[in-house]
C-alpha atoms as a PDB file:
ATOM      1  CA  MET A   1    -184.741  69.766-128.615  1.00  0.00           C
ATOM      2  CA  ALA A   2    -186.922  67.004-126.694  1.00  0.00           C
ATOM      3  CA  ARG A   3    -190.693  66.046-127.732  1.00  0.00           C
ATOM      4  CA  ASN A   4    -192.237  66.700-124.794  1.00  0.00           C
ATOM      5  CA  ASN A   5    -195.915  65.964-126.726  1.00  0.00           C
ATOM      6  CA  LYS A   6    -196.837  62.096-126.126  1.00  0.00           C
ATOM      7  CA  ILE A   7    -198.855  60.189-128.782  1.00  0.00           C
ATOM      8  CA  LEU A   8    -201.180  57.268-127.716  1.00  0.00           C
ATOM      9  CA  VAL A   9    -199.256  54.823-130.224  1.00  0.00           C
ATOM     10  CA  PRO A  10    -195.713  55.418-130.481  1.00  0.00           C
ATOM     11  CA  GLU A  11    -194.903  53.269-133.061  1.00  0.00           C
ATOM     12  CA  ALA A  12    -197.296  55.540-135.107  1.00  0.00           C
ATOM     13  CA  ARG A  13    -194.718  58.451-134.716  1.00  0.00           C
ATOM     14  CA  ALA A  14    -192.958  57.879-138.105  1.00  0.00           C
ATOM     15  CA  GLY A  15    -196.279  57.864-139.988  1.00  0.00           C
ATOM     16  CA  LEU A  16    -197.424  61.228-138.299  1.00  0.00           C
ATOM     17  CA  ASP A  17    -193.957  62.923-139.215  1.00  0.00           C
ATOM     18  CA  GLN A  18    -194.527  61.641-142.469  1.00  0.00           C
ATOM     19  CA  LEU A  19    -197.938  63.195-142.974  1.00  0.00           C
ATOM     20  CA  LYS A  20    -196.653  66.309-141.298  1.00  0.00           C
ATOM     21  CA  SER A  21    -194.109  66.613-143.844  1.00  0.00           C
ATOM     22  CA  ARG A  22    -196.248  66.089-146.879  1.00  0.00           C
ATOM     23  CA  VAL A  23    -199.502  68.313-145.917  1.00  0.00           C
ATOM     24  CA  MET A  24    -197.068  71.581-144.696  1.00  0.00           C
ATOM     25  CA  LYS A  25    -195.030  70.650-148.039  1.00  0.00           C
ATOM     26  CA  ASP A  26    -198.514  70.977-149.659  1.00  0.00           C
ATOM     27  CA  LYS A  27    -199.018  74.298-148.172  1.00  0.00           C
ATOM     28  CA  GLY A  28    -196.115  75.905-149.385  1.00  0.00           C
ATOM     29  CA  TYR A  29    -193.475  75.503-146.739  1.00  0.00           C
ATOM     30  CA  GLN A  30    -189.773  74.080-146.995  1.00  0.00           C
ATOM     31  CA  VAL A  31    -189.811  70.836-144.716  1.00  0.00           C
ATOM     32  CA  ASN A  32    -186.853  68.821-143.997  1.00  0.00           C
ATOM     33  CA  PRO A  33    -188.278  65.139-144.552  1.00  0.00           C
ATOM     34  CA  GLU A  34    -185.842  64.177-141.426  1.00  0.00           C
ATOM     35  CA  LYS A  35    -186.953  66.815-139.128  1.00  0.00           C
ATOM     36  CA  PRO A  36    -190.752  67.634-139.865  1.00  0.00           C
ATOM     37  CA  ASP A  37    -190.983  69.473-136.447  1.00  0.00           C
ATOM     38  CA  ASN A  38    -188.541  72.315-137.859  1.00  0.00           C
ATOM     39  CA  VAL A  39    -191.297  73.820-139.914  1.00  0.00           C
ATOM     40  CA  LYS A  40    -192.740  75.425-136.962  1.00  0.00           C
ATOM     41  CA  TYR A  41    -189.790  78.032-136.861  1.00  0.00           C
ATOM     42  CA  GLU A  42    -190.833  78.915-140.409  1.00  0.00           C
ATOM     43  CA  ILE A  43    -194.380  79.315-139.056  1.00  0.00           C
ATOM     44  CA  ALA A  44    -193.238  81.191-136.150  1.00  0.00           C
ATOM     45  CA  ARG A  45    -191.024  83.836-138.222  1.00  0.00           C
ATOM     46  CA  GLU A  46    -193.808  84.123-140.843  1.00  0.00           C
ATOM     47  CA  GLN A  47    -195.817  85.241-137.636  1.00  0.00           C
ATOM     48  CA  GLY A  48    -193.560  87.249-136.210  1.00  0.00           C
ATOM     49  CA  ILE A  49    -193.347  84.905-132.988  1.00  0.00           C
ATOM     50  CA  PRO A  50    -190.085  84.617-131.370  1.00  0.00           C
ATOM     51  CA  LEU A  51    -189.817  80.827-131.226  1.00  0.00           C
ATOM     52  CA  LYS A  52    -186.036  79.257-130.642  1.00  0.00           C
ATOM     53  CA  GLU A  53    -184.968  75.955-130.093  1.00  0.00           C
ATOM     54  CA  GLY A  54    -185.084  74.998-126.468  1.00  0.00           C
ATOM     55  CA  TYR A  55    -187.166  76.545-123.765  1.00  0.00           C
ATOM     56  CA  ASN A  56    -189.386  79.224-124.781  1.00  0.00           C
ATOM     57  CA  GLY A  57    -191.372  79.984-121.637  1.00  0.00           C
ATOM     58  CA  GLN A  58    -191.509  83.776-122.714  1.00  0.00           C
ATOM     59  CA  LEU A  59    -194.344  82.274-125.547  1.00  0.00           C
ATOM     60  CA  THR A  60    -197.802  83.215-124.680  1.00  0.00           C
ATOM     61  CA  SER A  61    -200.463  80.144-124.959  1.00  0.00           C
ATOM     62  CA  GLU A  62    -202.175  82.599-127.994  1.00  0.00           C
ATOM     63  CA  GLN A  63    -198.429  82.299-129.883  1.00  0.00           C
ATOM     64  CA  ALA A  64    -197.617  78.919-129.352  1.00  0.00           C
ATOM     65  CA  GLY A  65    -201.652  77.751-130.437  1.00  0.00           C
ATOM     66  CA  LYS A  66    -201.022  79.834-133.386  1.00  0.00           C
ATOM     67  CA  ILE A  67    -197.714  77.740-134.360  1.00  0.00           C
ATOM     68  CA  GLY A  68    -199.247  74.457-133.590  1.00  0.00           C
ATOM     69  CA  GLY A  69    -202.740  75.004-134.694  1.00  0.00           C
ATOM     70  CA  SER A  70    -201.546  75.823-138.022  1.00  0.00           C
ATOM     71  CA  ILE A  71    -199.857  72.527-138.094  1.00  0.00           C
ATOM     72  CA  GLY A  72    -202.180  70.530-136.459  1.00  0.00           C
ATOM     73  CA  GLY A  73    -205.017  71.877-138.005  1.00  0.00           C
ATOM     74  CA  ASN A  74    -203.961  71.230-141.794  1.00  0.00           C
ATOM     75  CA  MET A  75    -202.760  67.594-140.495  1.00  0.00           C
ATOM     76  CA  VAL A  76    -206.352  66.864-139.202  1.00  0.00           C
ATOM     77  CA  LYS A  77    -208.327  68.575-142.420  1.00  0.00           C
ATOM     78  CA  GLU A  78    -205.909  65.858-144.299  1.00  0.00           C
ATOM     79  CA  MET A  79    -206.859  63.018-142.267  1.00  0.00           C
ATOM     80  CA  ILE A  80    -210.628  63.783-142.559  1.00  0.00           C
ATOM     81  CA  LYS A  81    -210.025  63.850-146.355  1.00  0.00           C
ATOM     82  CA  MET A  82    -208.316  60.630-146.292  1.00  0.00           C
ATOM     83  CA  ALA A  83    -210.934  59.125-143.960  1.00  0.00           C
ATOM     84  CA  GLN A  84    -213.730  60.425-146.629  1.00  0.00           C
ATOM     85  CA  GLU A  85    -211.805  58.705-149.605  1.00  0.00           C
ATOM     86  CA  GLN A  86    -211.845  55.505-147.658  1.00  0.00           C
ATOM     87  CA  MET A  87    -215.151  55.621-147.130  1.00  0.00           C
ATOM     88  CA  LYS A  88    -216.129  56.038-150.315  1.00  0.00           C
ATOM     89  CA  LYS A  89    -214.406  52.857-151.444  1.00  0.00           C
END
């Protein structure tokens, strides 16, 4: 499945994938370090959202937000925690 989201610094992709993998593992999800994006299927299944590989135009914005928000929200919380730790040093 192609990635449609663009990050401002393409070189940061590997670091973001590592962060996603670590954060979602800490939340108790099974994460393949080679394909951390696949955790979205586990989250969707858990919430009863019919997410599948490929086109998902049938999903509502609310459903897509529940999946992505869970992942992104946890990543942002972790990045804030990391920044606070660095500011203490």
